[in-house]
Amino acid sequence: MIDIKDKFNIIELGAGCGLAGFVASFLTTNNVYITDGNEVVLRLLTKNQEYINNSNVIIHSLRWGLKDAVVSFYNKYFDYNSSDHKYKNIIIGADVILWPNEIESLLLTIKLLLCSNKDSLCIISYITRARTTTELLYNEIKKQNMEIEFIASDKYLPSPQPSNLCNLEKNIFLIKLIDPNNNILYNTCENDRSDYIDKNSSAC
């Protein structure tokens, strides 16, 4: 499993109440960027941060599928154009695969963040609610020149499993660029930065 204590900053997408990001903030002294695109949710996150008061937590508005929003976020906190890719990031999303019309915007945002730093990782979790949504997710990942690697449940669930553990179809997986050292792929990412089209204007 990944040790986040010293090596990574954390970027949470579609945070909701921010549970995943706030838990991560106790496991690292590096910065944890908890993001969402909904103003009501951002007010909740701010209140939660006021209560938890972890100095390494940064709350930021970030809407999926908006090129300017992603670039503005990255430029504010990281050296977006640096050739040495100084910052390593783990991008996380807890139960963010829900609405089919938001999958493309989410994955485009993830792709931009991954392209910005070859050492970045993306870890996404979700509960399968509809097979068609899962199929759409797989197809869109392939379309975006990324690949998916599932994490076996015995890596994150207790063994033996408690009898009261709800038997939902849980999924945790890594999303990676197919070849992070491929210059053609990075040229594609550069085009995504300059020609980003927001088809759905996702609010997450």
N, C-alpha and C. Protein backbone atom coordinates (compact mmCIF):
# COMPACT_ATOMS: atom_id res chain seq x y z
N MET A 1 0.83 -1.20 0.00
CA MET A 1 0.00 0.00 0.00
C MET A 1 0.87 1.26 0.00
N ILE A 2 0.29 2.40 -0.27
CA ILE A 2 1.03 3.66 -0.42
C ILE A 2 1.22 4.32 0.93
N ASP A 3 2.45 4.74 1.21
CA ASP A 3 2.75 5.50 2.42
C ASP A 3 2.72 6.98 2.07
N ILE A 4 1.73 7.70 2.61
CA ILE A 4 1.56 9.11 2.23
C ILE A 4 2.24 10.07 3.20
N LYS A 5 2.94 9.56 4.20
CA LYS A 5 3.41 10.42 5.27
C LYS A 5 4.33 11.52 4.80
N ASP A 6 5.28 11.20 3.94
CA ASP A 6 6.30 12.19 3.58
C ASP A 6 6.38 12.49 2.08
N LYS A 7 5.79 11.66 1.24
CA LYS A 7 6.08 11.72 -0.19
C LYS A 7 5.05 12.47 -1.01
N PHE A 8 3.85 12.63 -0.52
CA PHE A 8 2.77 13.12 -1.37
C PHE A 8 1.95 14.22 -0.72
N ASN A 9 1.49 15.15 -1.55
CA ASN A 9 0.35 15.98 -1.19
C ASN A 9 -0.90 15.25 -1.64
N ILE A 10 -2.03 15.58 -1.03
CA ILE A 10 -3.29 14.92 -1.34
C ILE A 10 -4.23 15.93 -1.97
N ILE A 11 -4.91 15.53 -3.06
CA ILE A 11 -5.96 16.34 -3.69
C ILE A 11 -7.23 15.50 -3.70
N GLU A 12 -8.24 15.92 -2.94
CA GLU A 12 -9.51 15.20 -2.94
C GLU A 12 -10.48 15.89 -3.89
N LEU A 13 -11.09 15.12 -4.78
CA LEU A 13 -12.07 15.63 -5.73
C LEU A 13 -13.48 15.27 -5.28
N GLY A 14 -14.43 16.19 -5.49
CA GLY A 14 -15.82 15.90 -5.13
C GLY A 14 -15.95 15.48 -3.68
N ALA A 15 -15.43 16.31 -2.78
CA ALA A 15 -15.20 15.88 -1.39
C ALA A 15 -16.47 15.67 -0.57
N GLY A 16 -17.55 16.37 -0.89
CA GLY A 16 -18.72 16.27 -0.01
C GLY A 16 -18.38 16.81 1.36
N CYS A 17 -18.59 16.01 2.39
CA CYS A 17 -18.26 16.47 3.75
C CYS A 17 -16.77 16.45 4.02
N GLY A 18 -15.98 15.83 3.12
CA GLY A 18 -14.53 15.86 3.26
C GLY A 18 -13.93 14.76 4.11
N LEU A 19 -14.70 13.70 4.36
CA LEU A 19 -14.22 12.65 5.26
C LEU A 19 -12.87 12.10 4.84
N ALA A 20 -12.73 11.71 3.56
CA ALA A 20 -11.48 11.11 3.11
C ALA A 20 -10.31 12.08 3.26
N GLY A 21 -10.53 13.33 2.85
CA GLY A 21 -9.46 14.32 2.94
C GLY A 21 -9.06 14.64 4.36
N PHE A 22 -10.04 14.77 5.24
CA PHE A 22 -9.71 15.09 6.64
C PHE A 22 -8.99 13.93 7.32
N VAL A 23 -9.40 12.70 7.03
CA VAL A 23 -8.68 11.54 7.57
C VAL A 23 -7.24 11.56 7.07
N ALA A 24 -7.06 11.81 5.76
CA ALA A 24 -5.71 11.86 5.19
C ALA A 24 -4.87 12.94 5.85
N SER A 25 -5.49 14.03 6.26
CA SER A 25 -4.74 15.15 6.85
C SER A 25 -4.10 14.77 8.19
N PHE A 26 -4.63 13.73 8.83
CA PHE A 26 -4.03 13.25 10.08
C PHE A 26 -2.88 12.29 9.82
N LEU A 27 -2.72 11.84 8.57
CA LEU A 27 -1.71 10.84 8.24
C LEU A 27 -0.49 11.42 7.57
N THR A 28 -0.52 12.73 7.29
CA THR A 28 0.61 13.37 6.63
C THR A 28 0.76 14.79 7.15
N THR A 29 1.99 15.28 7.09
CA THR A 29 2.24 16.69 7.43
C THR A 29 2.21 17.55 6.17
N ASN A 30 2.14 16.91 5.00
CA ASN A 30 2.05 17.64 3.74
C ASN A 30 0.64 18.19 3.57
N ASN A 31 0.47 19.03 2.57
CA ASN A 31 -0.83 19.66 2.37
C ASN A 31 -1.87 18.70 1.83
N VAL A 32 -3.11 18.91 2.26
CA VAL A 32 -4.26 18.16 1.77
C VAL A 32 -5.24 19.18 1.20
N TYR A 33 -5.49 19.09 -0.11
CA TYR A 33 -6.38 20.03 -0.80
C TYR A 33 -7.73 19.35 -0.96
N ILE A 34 -8.72 19.83 -0.23
CA ILE A 34 -10.06 19.25 -0.25
C ILE A 34 -10.93 20.12 -1.15
N THR A 35 -11.40 19.54 -2.26
CA THR A 35 -12.08 20.35 -3.28
C THR A 35 -13.49 19.85 -3.56
N ASP A 36 -14.31 20.78 -3.97
CA ASP A 36 -15.66 20.49 -4.46
C ASP A 36 -16.09 21.69 -5.29
N GLY A 37 -17.13 21.51 -6.10
CA GLY A 37 -17.59 22.61 -6.94
C GLY A 37 -18.92 23.19 -6.54
N ASN A 38 -19.47 22.69 -5.46
CA ASN A 38 -20.78 23.14 -4.99
C ASN A 38 -20.59 24.12 -3.83
N GLU A 39 -21.17 25.31 -3.95
CA GLU A 39 -20.96 26.35 -2.95
C GLU A 39 -21.49 25.95 -1.57
N VAL A 40 -22.62 25.25 -1.53
CA VAL A 40 -23.17 24.80 -0.25
C VAL A 40 -22.21 23.81 0.40
N VAL A 41 -21.68 22.89 -0.39
CA VAL A 41 -20.73 21.90 0.12
C VAL A 41 -19.45 22.59 0.60
N LEU A 42 -19.00 23.59 -0.13
CA LEU A 42 -17.78 24.30 0.27
C LEU A 42 -17.96 25.01 1.61
N ARG A 43 -19.17 25.52 1.86
CA ARG A 43 -19.42 26.14 3.17
C ARG A 43 -19.38 25.09 4.28
N LEU A 44 -19.91 23.89 3.98
CA LEU A 44 -19.84 22.80 4.95
C LEU A 44 -18.39 22.39 5.21
N LEU A 45 -17.61 22.29 4.15
CA LEU A 45 -16.20 21.93 4.30
C LEU A 45 -15.45 22.96 5.14
N THR A 46 -15.74 24.22 4.90
CA THR A 46 -15.10 25.28 5.68
C THR A 46 -15.45 25.17 7.15
N LYS A 47 -16.72 24.89 7.45
CA LYS A 47 -17.14 24.70 8.84
C LYS A 47 -16.44 23.50 9.46
N ASN A 48 -16.33 22.41 8.70
CA ASN A 48 -15.65 21.22 9.21
C ASN A 48 -14.19 21.50 9.50
N GLN A 49 -13.55 22.27 8.62
CA GLN A 49 -12.15 22.62 8.83
C GLN A 49 -11.99 23.53 10.05
N GLU A 50 -12.92 24.44 10.26
CA GLU A 50 -12.86 25.29 11.46
C GLU A 50 -12.93 24.45 12.73
N TYR A 51 -13.71 23.37 12.68
CA TYR A 51 -13.84 22.49 13.84
C TYR A 51 -12.61 21.60 14.00
N ILE A 52 -12.15 21.00 12.90
CA ILE A 52 -11.01 20.07 12.96
C ILE A 52 -9.70 20.83 13.13
N ASN A 53 -9.57 21.95 12.41
CA ASN A 53 -8.46 22.89 12.57
C ASN A 53 -7.10 22.24 12.31
N ASN A 54 -6.99 21.49 11.23
CA ASN A 54 -5.69 20.96 10.81
C ASN A 54 -5.02 21.98 9.90
N SER A 55 -3.81 22.37 10.25
CA SER A 55 -3.12 23.44 9.53
C SER A 55 -2.74 23.06 8.11
N ASN A 56 -2.70 21.77 7.80
CA ASN A 56 -2.28 21.35 6.46
C ASN A 56 -3.46 21.16 5.50
N VAL A 57 -4.68 21.52 5.92
CA VAL A 57 -5.86 21.38 5.08
C VAL A 57 -6.16 22.69 4.35
N ILE A 58 -6.38 22.60 3.05
CA ILE A 58 -6.76 23.75 2.23
C ILE A 58 -8.06 23.42 1.51
N ILE A 59 -9.09 24.23 1.71
CA ILE A 59 -10.37 24.05 1.04
C ILE A 59 -10.37 24.90 -0.23
N HIS A 60 -10.76 24.30 -1.36
CA HIS A 60 -10.70 25.04 -2.61
C HIS A 60 -11.85 24.62 -3.52
N SER A 61 -12.42 25.58 -4.22
CA SER A 61 -13.47 25.30 -5.20
C SER A 61 -12.84 24.75 -6.48
N LEU A 62 -13.33 23.60 -6.94
CA LEU A 62 -12.82 23.02 -8.18
C LEU A 62 -13.95 22.26 -8.86
N ARG A 63 -14.38 22.79 -10.01
CA ARG A 63 -15.43 22.14 -10.78
C ARG A 63 -14.81 21.25 -11.84
N TRP A 64 -15.38 20.07 -11.99
CA TRP A 64 -14.86 19.11 -12.95
C TRP A 64 -15.13 19.58 -14.38
N GLY A 65 -14.18 19.25 -15.27
CA GLY A 65 -14.38 19.49 -16.68
C GLY A 65 -14.15 20.90 -17.14
N LEU A 66 -13.66 21.76 -16.27
CA LEU A 66 -13.38 23.14 -16.63
C LEU A 66 -11.87 23.37 -16.65
N LYS A 67 -11.33 23.51 -17.85
CA LYS A 67 -9.88 23.66 -18.00
C LYS A 67 -9.34 24.81 -17.17
N ASP A 68 -9.97 25.96 -17.25
CA ASP A 68 -9.47 27.14 -16.53
C ASP A 68 -9.47 26.91 -15.02
N ALA A 69 -10.47 26.18 -14.52
CA ALA A 69 -10.54 25.93 -13.10
C ALA A 69 -9.39 25.03 -12.64
N VAL A 70 -9.10 24.00 -13.43
CA VAL A 70 -8.01 23.08 -13.08
C VAL A 70 -6.67 23.80 -13.14
N VAL A 71 -6.43 24.57 -14.20
CA VAL A 71 -5.17 25.28 -14.35
C VAL A 71 -5.00 26.32 -13.25
N SER A 72 -6.08 27.05 -12.93
CA SER A 72 -6.02 28.05 -11.88
C SER A 72 -5.69 27.42 -10.53
N PHE A 73 -6.33 26.29 -10.25
CA PHE A 73 -6.04 25.57 -9.00
C PHE A 73 -4.58 25.14 -8.94
N TYR A 74 -4.10 24.54 -10.04
CA TYR A 74 -2.73 24.03 -10.03
C TYR A 74 -1.71 25.17 -9.97
N ASN A 75 -1.97 26.23 -10.71
CA ASN A 75 -1.04 27.36 -10.69
C ASN A 75 -0.96 28.02 -9.32
N LYS A 76 -2.06 27.99 -8.59
CA LYS A 76 -2.09 28.63 -7.28
C LYS A 76 -1.25 27.88 -6.25
N TYR A 77 -1.27 26.55 -6.34
CA TYR A 77 -0.63 25.76 -5.29
C TYR A 77 0.61 25.00 -5.74
N PHE A 78 0.80 24.85 -7.05
CA PHE A 78 1.92 24.07 -7.56
C PHE A 78 2.57 24.83 -8.71
N ASP A 79 3.76 24.38 -9.09
CA ASP A 79 4.44 24.96 -10.24
C ASP A 79 3.98 24.18 -11.46
N TYR A 80 2.92 24.62 -12.09
CA TYR A 80 2.24 23.87 -13.16
C TYR A 80 3.14 23.59 -14.35
N ASN A 81 4.04 24.52 -14.69
CA ASN A 81 4.86 24.38 -15.89
C ASN A 81 6.28 23.89 -15.59
N SER A 82 6.52 23.47 -14.37
CA SER A 82 7.86 23.04 -13.99
C SER A 82 8.24 21.75 -14.71
N SER A 83 9.47 21.72 -15.25
CA SER A 83 9.93 20.52 -15.95
C SER A 83 10.39 19.43 -14.99
N ASP A 84 10.73 19.81 -13.76
CA ASP A 84 11.23 18.80 -12.84
C ASP A 84 10.10 18.14 -12.04
N HIS A 85 8.86 18.63 -12.20
CA HIS A 85 7.70 18.03 -11.54
C HIS A 85 8.01 17.77 -10.05
N LYS A 86 8.33 18.83 -9.36
CA LYS A 86 8.79 18.73 -7.98
C LYS A 86 7.77 18.09 -7.06
N TYR A 87 6.49 18.41 -7.26
CA TYR A 87 5.47 17.95 -6.35
C TYR A 87 4.87 16.63 -6.79
N LYS A 88 4.77 15.70 -5.87
CA LYS A 88 4.08 14.44 -6.10
C LYS A 88 2.71 14.52 -5.43
N ASN A 89 1.69 14.08 -6.13
CA ASN A 89 0.33 14.20 -5.60
C ASN A 89 -0.40 12.87 -5.66
N ILE A 90 -1.23 12.64 -4.67
CA ILE A 90 -2.21 11.57 -4.73
C ILE A 90 -3.57 12.23 -4.89
N ILE A 91 -4.25 11.91 -5.98
CA ILE A 91 -5.59 12.42 -6.23
C ILE A 91 -6.57 11.36 -5.73
N ILE A 92 -7.50 11.74 -4.87
CA ILE A 92 -8.43 10.77 -4.33
C ILE A 92 -9.88 11.23 -4.57
N GLY A 93 -10.75 10.26 -4.65
CA GLY A 93 -12.18 10.54 -4.78
C GLY A 93 -12.95 9.42 -4.11
N ALA A 94 -13.79 9.76 -3.15
CA ALA A 94 -14.55 8.77 -2.39
C ALA A 94 -16.00 8.75 -2.87
N ASP A 95 -16.39 7.64 -3.49
CA ASP A 95 -17.75 7.45 -4.01
C ASP A 95 -18.14 8.58 -4.97
N VAL A 96 -17.27 8.85 -5.92
CA VAL A 96 -17.52 9.94 -6.87
C VAL A 96 -18.07 9.45 -8.22
N ILE A 97 -18.15 8.13 -8.40
CA ILE A 97 -18.74 7.59 -9.63
C ILE A 97 -20.22 7.36 -9.35
N LEU A 98 -21.04 8.33 -9.71
CA LEU A 98 -22.47 8.26 -9.37
C LEU A 98 -23.33 8.59 -10.58
N TRP A 99 -23.17 9.81 -11.12
CA TRP A 99 -24.00 10.26 -12.23
C TRP A 99 -23.26 10.04 -13.54
N PRO A 100 -23.84 9.30 -14.48
CA PRO A 100 -23.15 9.01 -15.76
C PRO A 100 -22.71 10.26 -16.51
N ASN A 101 -23.50 11.33 -16.46
CA ASN A 101 -23.15 12.52 -17.24
C ASN A 101 -21.98 13.30 -16.65
N GLU A 102 -21.47 12.88 -15.49
CA GLU A 102 -20.33 13.57 -14.87
C GLU A 102 -19.02 12.78 -15.03
N ILE A 103 -19.10 11.56 -15.55
CA ILE A 103 -17.90 10.73 -15.63
C ILE A 103 -16.85 11.34 -16.55
N GLU A 104 -17.24 11.81 -17.72
CA GLU A 104 -16.28 12.40 -18.65
C GLU A 104 -15.58 13.60 -18.03
N SER A 105 -16.34 14.48 -17.39
CA SER A 105 -15.75 15.68 -16.78
C SER A 105 -14.79 15.31 -15.65
N LEU A 106 -15.18 14.31 -14.85
CA LEU A 106 -14.30 13.86 -13.77
C LEU A 106 -13.00 13.32 -14.33
N LEU A 107 -13.08 12.45 -15.32
CA LEU A 107 -11.88 11.82 -15.87
C LEU A 107 -10.99 12.82 -16.60
N LEU A 108 -11.57 13.79 -17.26
CA LEU A 108 -10.77 14.82 -17.91
C LEU A 108 -10.00 15.64 -16.87
N THR A 109 -10.64 15.92 -15.74
CA THR A 109 -9.97 16.64 -14.65
C THR A 109 -8.84 15.80 -14.08
N ILE A 110 -9.10 14.52 -13.86
CA ILE A 110 -8.06 13.61 -13.36
C ILE A 110 -6.89 13.55 -14.35
N LYS A 111 -7.21 13.47 -15.63
CA LYS A 111 -6.16 13.38 -16.64
C LYS A 111 -5.27 14.62 -16.64
N LEU A 112 -5.87 15.79 -16.53
CA LEU A 112 -5.08 17.02 -16.48
C LEU A 112 -4.14 17.02 -15.28
N LEU A 113 -4.65 16.60 -14.13
CA LEU A 113 -3.83 16.57 -12.92
C LEU A 113 -2.71 15.53 -13.03
N LEU A 114 -3.01 14.37 -13.62
CA LEU A 114 -1.98 13.35 -13.80
C LEU A 114 -0.93 13.81 -14.81
N CYS A 115 -1.36 14.46 -15.87
CA CYS A 115 -0.42 14.94 -16.88
C CYS A 115 0.51 16.02 -16.33
N SER A 116 0.06 16.71 -15.31
CA SER A 116 0.86 17.80 -14.74
C SER A 116 2.04 17.29 -13.94
N ASN A 117 2.00 15.99 -13.58
CA ASN A 117 3.05 15.44 -12.73
C ASN A 117 3.12 13.94 -12.97
N LYS A 118 4.21 13.48 -13.55
CA LYS A 118 4.33 12.07 -13.91
C LYS A 118 4.34 11.14 -12.70
N ASP A 119 4.64 11.66 -11.53
CA ASP A 119 4.71 10.83 -10.33
C ASP A 119 3.39 10.81 -9.56
N SER A 120 2.37 11.47 -10.08
CA SER A 120 1.09 11.51 -9.38
C SER A 120 0.33 10.20 -9.54
N LEU A 121 -0.54 9.94 -8.58
CA LEU A 121 -1.40 8.76 -8.58
C LEU A 121 -2.83 9.21 -8.37
N CYS A 122 -3.77 8.41 -8.85
CA CYS A 122 -5.18 8.69 -8.59
C CYS A 122 -5.84 7.43 -8.04
N ILE A 123 -6.48 7.58 -6.89
CA ILE A 123 -7.18 6.46 -6.24
C ILE A 123 -8.65 6.85 -6.10
N ILE A 124 -9.52 6.05 -6.69
CA ILE A 124 -10.95 6.32 -6.68
C ILE A 124 -11.69 5.15 -6.04
N SER A 125 -12.70 5.44 -5.26
CA SER A 125 -13.56 4.38 -4.72
C SER A 125 -15.01 4.69 -5.05
N TYR A 126 -15.78 3.63 -5.23
CA TYR A 126 -17.21 3.82 -5.44
C TYR A 126 -17.94 2.50 -5.22
N ILE A 127 -19.23 2.59 -5.03
CA ILE A 127 -20.10 1.43 -4.91
C ILE A 127 -20.86 1.27 -6.22
N THR A 128 -20.85 0.07 -6.77
CA THR A 128 -21.56 -0.17 -8.03
C THR A 128 -23.06 -0.05 -7.80
N ARG A 129 -23.67 0.88 -8.49
CA ARG A 129 -25.12 1.07 -8.41
C ARG A 129 -25.80 0.67 -9.72
N ALA A 130 -25.07 0.79 -10.83
CA ALA A 130 -25.63 0.44 -12.14
C ALA A 130 -24.50 -0.06 -13.02
N ARG A 131 -24.70 -1.22 -13.62
CA ARG A 131 -23.67 -1.80 -14.48
C ARG A 131 -23.38 -0.90 -15.67
N THR A 132 -24.39 -0.22 -16.17
CA THR A 132 -24.19 0.66 -17.33
C THR A 132 -23.24 1.81 -17.01
N THR A 133 -23.32 2.32 -15.76
CA THR A 133 -22.41 3.39 -15.35
C THR A 133 -20.98 2.88 -15.27
N THR A 134 -20.81 1.67 -14.75
CA THR A 134 -19.48 1.07 -14.67
C THR A 134 -18.90 0.85 -16.06
N GLU A 135 -19.71 0.37 -16.98
CA GLU A 135 -19.25 0.17 -18.36
C GLU A 135 -18.85 1.49 -19.00
N LEU A 136 -19.64 2.53 -18.74
CA LEU A 136 -19.31 3.85 -19.26
C LEU A 136 -17.98 4.34 -18.70
N LEU A 137 -17.75 4.09 -17.42
CA LEU A 137 -16.50 4.46 -16.77
C LEU A 137 -15.31 3.79 -17.46
N TYR A 138 -15.40 2.48 -17.68
CA TYR A 138 -14.30 1.75 -18.33
C TYR A 138 -14.03 2.28 -19.73
N ASN A 139 -15.10 2.51 -20.48
CA ASN A 139 -14.94 2.99 -21.85
C ASN A 139 -14.32 4.38 -21.89
N GLU A 140 -14.72 5.24 -20.96
CA GLU A 140 -14.19 6.60 -20.95
C GLU A 140 -12.73 6.63 -20.52
N ILE A 141 -12.36 5.77 -19.58
CA ILE A 141 -10.96 5.67 -19.16
C ILE A 141 -10.08 5.28 -20.35
N LYS A 142 -10.54 4.29 -21.11
CA LYS A 142 -9.80 3.86 -22.30
C LYS A 142 -9.72 4.98 -23.32
N LYS A 143 -10.82 5.69 -23.51
CA LYS A 143 -10.87 6.78 -24.47
C LYS A 143 -9.88 7.88 -24.11
N GLN A 144 -9.66 8.10 -22.82
CA GLN A 144 -8.77 9.17 -22.36
C GLN A 144 -7.31 8.73 -22.24
N ASN A 145 -6.98 7.58 -22.84
CA ASN A 145 -5.60 7.06 -22.79
C ASN A 145 -5.11 6.82 -21.37
N MET A 146 -6.01 6.31 -20.56
CA MET A 146 -5.65 5.95 -19.20
C MET A 146 -5.99 4.48 -18.99
N GLU A 147 -5.54 3.93 -17.88
CA GLU A 147 -5.85 2.56 -17.57
C GLU A 147 -6.26 2.44 -16.11
N ILE A 148 -6.92 1.35 -15.80
CA ILE A 148 -7.48 1.14 -14.47
C ILE A 148 -6.85 -0.10 -13.85
N GLU A 149 -6.53 -0.02 -12.58
CA GLU A 149 -5.97 -1.16 -11.85
C GLU A 149 -6.75 -1.32 -10.54
N PHE A 150 -7.47 -2.42 -10.42
CA PHE A 150 -8.28 -2.64 -9.23
C PHE A 150 -7.42 -3.06 -8.05
N ILE A 151 -7.79 -2.61 -6.87
CA ILE A 151 -7.13 -2.99 -5.63
C ILE A 151 -7.98 -4.06 -4.97
N ALA A 152 -7.40 -5.21 -4.72
CA ALA A 152 -8.14 -6.33 -4.14
C ALA A 152 -8.69 -5.96 -2.77
N SER A 153 -9.89 -6.46 -2.48
CA SER A 153 -10.57 -6.09 -1.23
C SER A 153 -9.79 -6.51 0.01
N ASP A 154 -8.97 -7.57 -0.10
CA ASP A 154 -8.22 -7.99 1.09
C ASP A 154 -7.11 -7.01 1.46
N LYS A 155 -6.89 -6.00 0.57
CA LYS A 155 -5.89 -4.97 0.87
C LYS A 155 -6.45 -3.88 1.77
N TYR A 156 -7.79 -3.75 1.83
CA TYR A 156 -8.35 -2.66 2.62
C TYR A 156 -9.50 -3.08 3.53
N LEU A 157 -10.01 -4.31 3.41
CA LEU A 157 -11.04 -4.79 4.33
C LEU A 157 -10.43 -5.72 5.36
N PRO A 158 -10.97 -5.71 6.60
CA PRO A 158 -10.44 -6.61 7.63
C PRO A 158 -10.70 -8.06 7.27
N SER A 159 -9.82 -8.93 7.72
CA SER A 159 -9.98 -10.37 7.48
C SER A 159 -9.80 -11.12 8.79
N PRO A 160 -10.80 -11.94 9.18
CA PRO A 160 -12.06 -12.17 8.47
C PRO A 160 -12.99 -10.96 8.58
N GLN A 161 -13.87 -10.83 7.60
CA GLN A 161 -14.78 -9.71 7.61
C GLN A 161 -15.83 -9.86 8.70
N PRO A 162 -16.12 -8.78 9.44
CA PRO A 162 -17.18 -8.83 10.46
C PRO A 162 -18.52 -9.21 9.84
N SER A 163 -19.32 -9.92 10.57
CA SER A 163 -20.60 -10.39 10.04
C SER A 163 -21.56 -9.25 9.74
N ASN A 164 -21.37 -8.11 10.41
CA ASN A 164 -22.27 -6.97 10.19
C ASN A 164 -21.78 -6.03 9.10
N LEU A 165 -20.71 -6.41 8.40
CA LEU A 165 -20.20 -5.59 7.31
C LEU A 165 -21.13 -5.72 6.11
N CYS A 166 -21.65 -4.60 5.65
CA CYS A 166 -22.62 -4.61 4.55
C CYS A 166 -21.97 -5.16 3.28
N ASN A 167 -22.62 -6.09 2.66
CA ASN A 167 -22.06 -6.76 1.48
C ASN A 167 -22.42 -6.01 0.20
N LEU A 168 -21.91 -4.78 0.08
CA LEU A 168 -22.11 -4.00 -1.13
C LEU A 168 -20.97 -4.30 -2.10
N GLU A 169 -21.21 -4.01 -3.36
CA GLU A 169 -20.16 -4.21 -4.35
C GLU A 169 -19.25 -2.99 -4.35
N LYS A 170 -18.18 -3.11 -3.57
CA LYS A 170 -17.27 -2.00 -3.36
C LYS A 170 -16.12 -2.07 -4.37
N ASN A 171 -15.68 -0.92 -4.83
CA ASN A 171 -14.58 -0.86 -5.79
C ASN A 171 -13.60 0.21 -5.38
N ILE A 172 -12.33 -0.15 -5.31
CA ILE A 172 -11.26 0.82 -5.14
C ILE A 172 -10.24 0.54 -6.24
N PHE A 173 -9.84 1.57 -6.96
CA PHE A 173 -8.92 1.32 -8.06
C PHE A 173 -8.01 2.52 -8.30
N LEU A 174 -6.90 2.23 -8.95
CA LEU A 174 -5.96 3.26 -9.39
C LEU A 174 -6.29 3.62 -10.83
N ILE A 175 -6.22 4.90 -11.15
CA ILE A 175 -6.29 5.36 -12.54
C ILE A 175 -4.92 5.91 -12.89
N LYS A 176 -4.36 5.41 -13.99
CA LYS A 176 -3.02 5.81 -14.37
C LYS A 176 -2.98 6.17 -15.85
N LEU A 177 -2.03 7.01 -16.22
CA LEU A 177 -1.74 7.23 -17.62
C LEU A 177 -1.13 5.96 -18.17
N ILE A 178 -1.50 5.59 -19.40
CA ILE A 178 -1.01 4.34 -19.97
C ILE A 178 0.52 4.33 -20.04
N ASP A 179 1.10 5.44 -20.47
CA ASP A 179 2.56 5.53 -20.55
C ASP A 179 2.98 6.93 -20.15
N PRO A 180 3.31 7.13 -18.87
CA PRO A 180 3.62 8.49 -18.40
C PRO A 180 4.87 9.09 -19.02
N ASN A 181 5.70 8.28 -19.71
CA ASN A 181 6.90 8.79 -20.35
C ASN A 181 6.74 8.96 -21.86
N ASN A 182 5.50 8.82 -22.33
CA ASN A 182 5.23 8.91 -23.76
C ASN A 182 4.99 10.36 -24.14
N ASN A 183 5.88 10.91 -24.98
CA ASN A 183 5.76 12.32 -25.35
C ASN A 183 4.49 12.60 -26.16
N ILE A 184 4.06 11.61 -26.96
CA ILE A 184 2.83 11.79 -27.73
C ILE A 184 1.65 11.99 -26.80
N LEU A 185 1.61 11.17 -25.72
CA LEU A 185 0.54 11.31 -24.75
C LEU A 185 0.58 12.68 -24.09
N TYR A 186 1.78 13.15 -23.78
CA TYR A 186 1.87 14.46 -23.13
C TYR A 186 1.49 15.59 -24.07
N ASN A 187 1.75 15.42 -25.36
CA ASN A 187 1.26 16.41 -26.31
C ASN A 187 -0.25 16.43 -26.33
N THR A 188 -0.85 15.25 -26.22
CA THR A 188 -2.32 15.17 -26.13
C THR A 188 -2.81 15.91 -24.90
N CYS A 189 -2.11 15.75 -23.79
CA CYS A 189 -2.49 16.45 -22.56
C CYS A 189 -2.37 17.96 -22.74
N GLU A 190 -1.33 18.39 -23.44
CA GLU A 190 -1.18 19.82 -23.69
C GLU A 190 -2.34 20.34 -24.51
N ASN A 191 -2.79 19.55 -25.49
CA ASN A 191 -3.95 19.96 -26.27
C ASN A 191 -5.19 20.03 -25.40
N ASP A 192 -5.31 19.08 -24.46
CA ASP A 192 -6.45 19.12 -23.54
C ASP A 192 -6.43 20.42 -22.73
N ARG A 193 -5.23 20.87 -22.35
CA ARG A 193 -5.14 22.10 -21.57
C ARG A 193 -5.61 23.31 -22.38
N SER A 194 -5.27 23.31 -23.67
CA SER A 194 -5.57 24.50 -24.48
C SER A 194 -6.94 24.43 -25.15
N ASP A 195 -7.46 23.21 -25.36
CA ASP A 195 -8.71 23.07 -26.10
C ASP A 195 -9.81 22.43 -25.27
N TYR A 196 -9.68 22.53 -23.96
CA TYR A 196 -10.63 21.88 -23.06
C TYR A 196 -12.05 22.35 -23.33
N ILE A 197 -12.95 21.42 -23.52
CA ILE A 197 -14.34 21.75 -23.77
C ILE A 197 -15.19 21.18 -22.67
N ASP A 198 -15.95 22.02 -22.01
CA ASP A 198 -16.82 21.58 -20.94
C ASP A 198 -18.20 21.27 -21.53
N LYS A 199 -18.48 19.99 -21.73
CA LYS A 199 -19.73 19.60 -22.34
C LYS A 199 -20.89 19.57 -21.33
N ASN A 200 -20.52 19.21 -20.09
CA ASN A 200 -21.58 18.99 -19.10
C ASN A 200 -21.60 20.04 -18.00
N SER A 201 -20.53 20.82 -17.87
CA SER A 201 -20.43 21.83 -16.82
C SER A 201 -20.82 21.25 -15.48
N SER A 202 -20.09 20.19 -15.08
CA SER A 202 -20.41 19.48 -13.84
C SER A 202 -20.28 20.39 -12.64
N ALA A 203 -21.12 20.16 -11.66
CA ALA A 203 -21.12 21.00 -10.45
C ALA A 203 -20.31 20.38 -9.34
N CYS A 204 -19.62 19.28 -9.59
CA CYS A 204 -18.89 18.59 -8.51
C CYS A 204 -17.45 19.06 -8.45
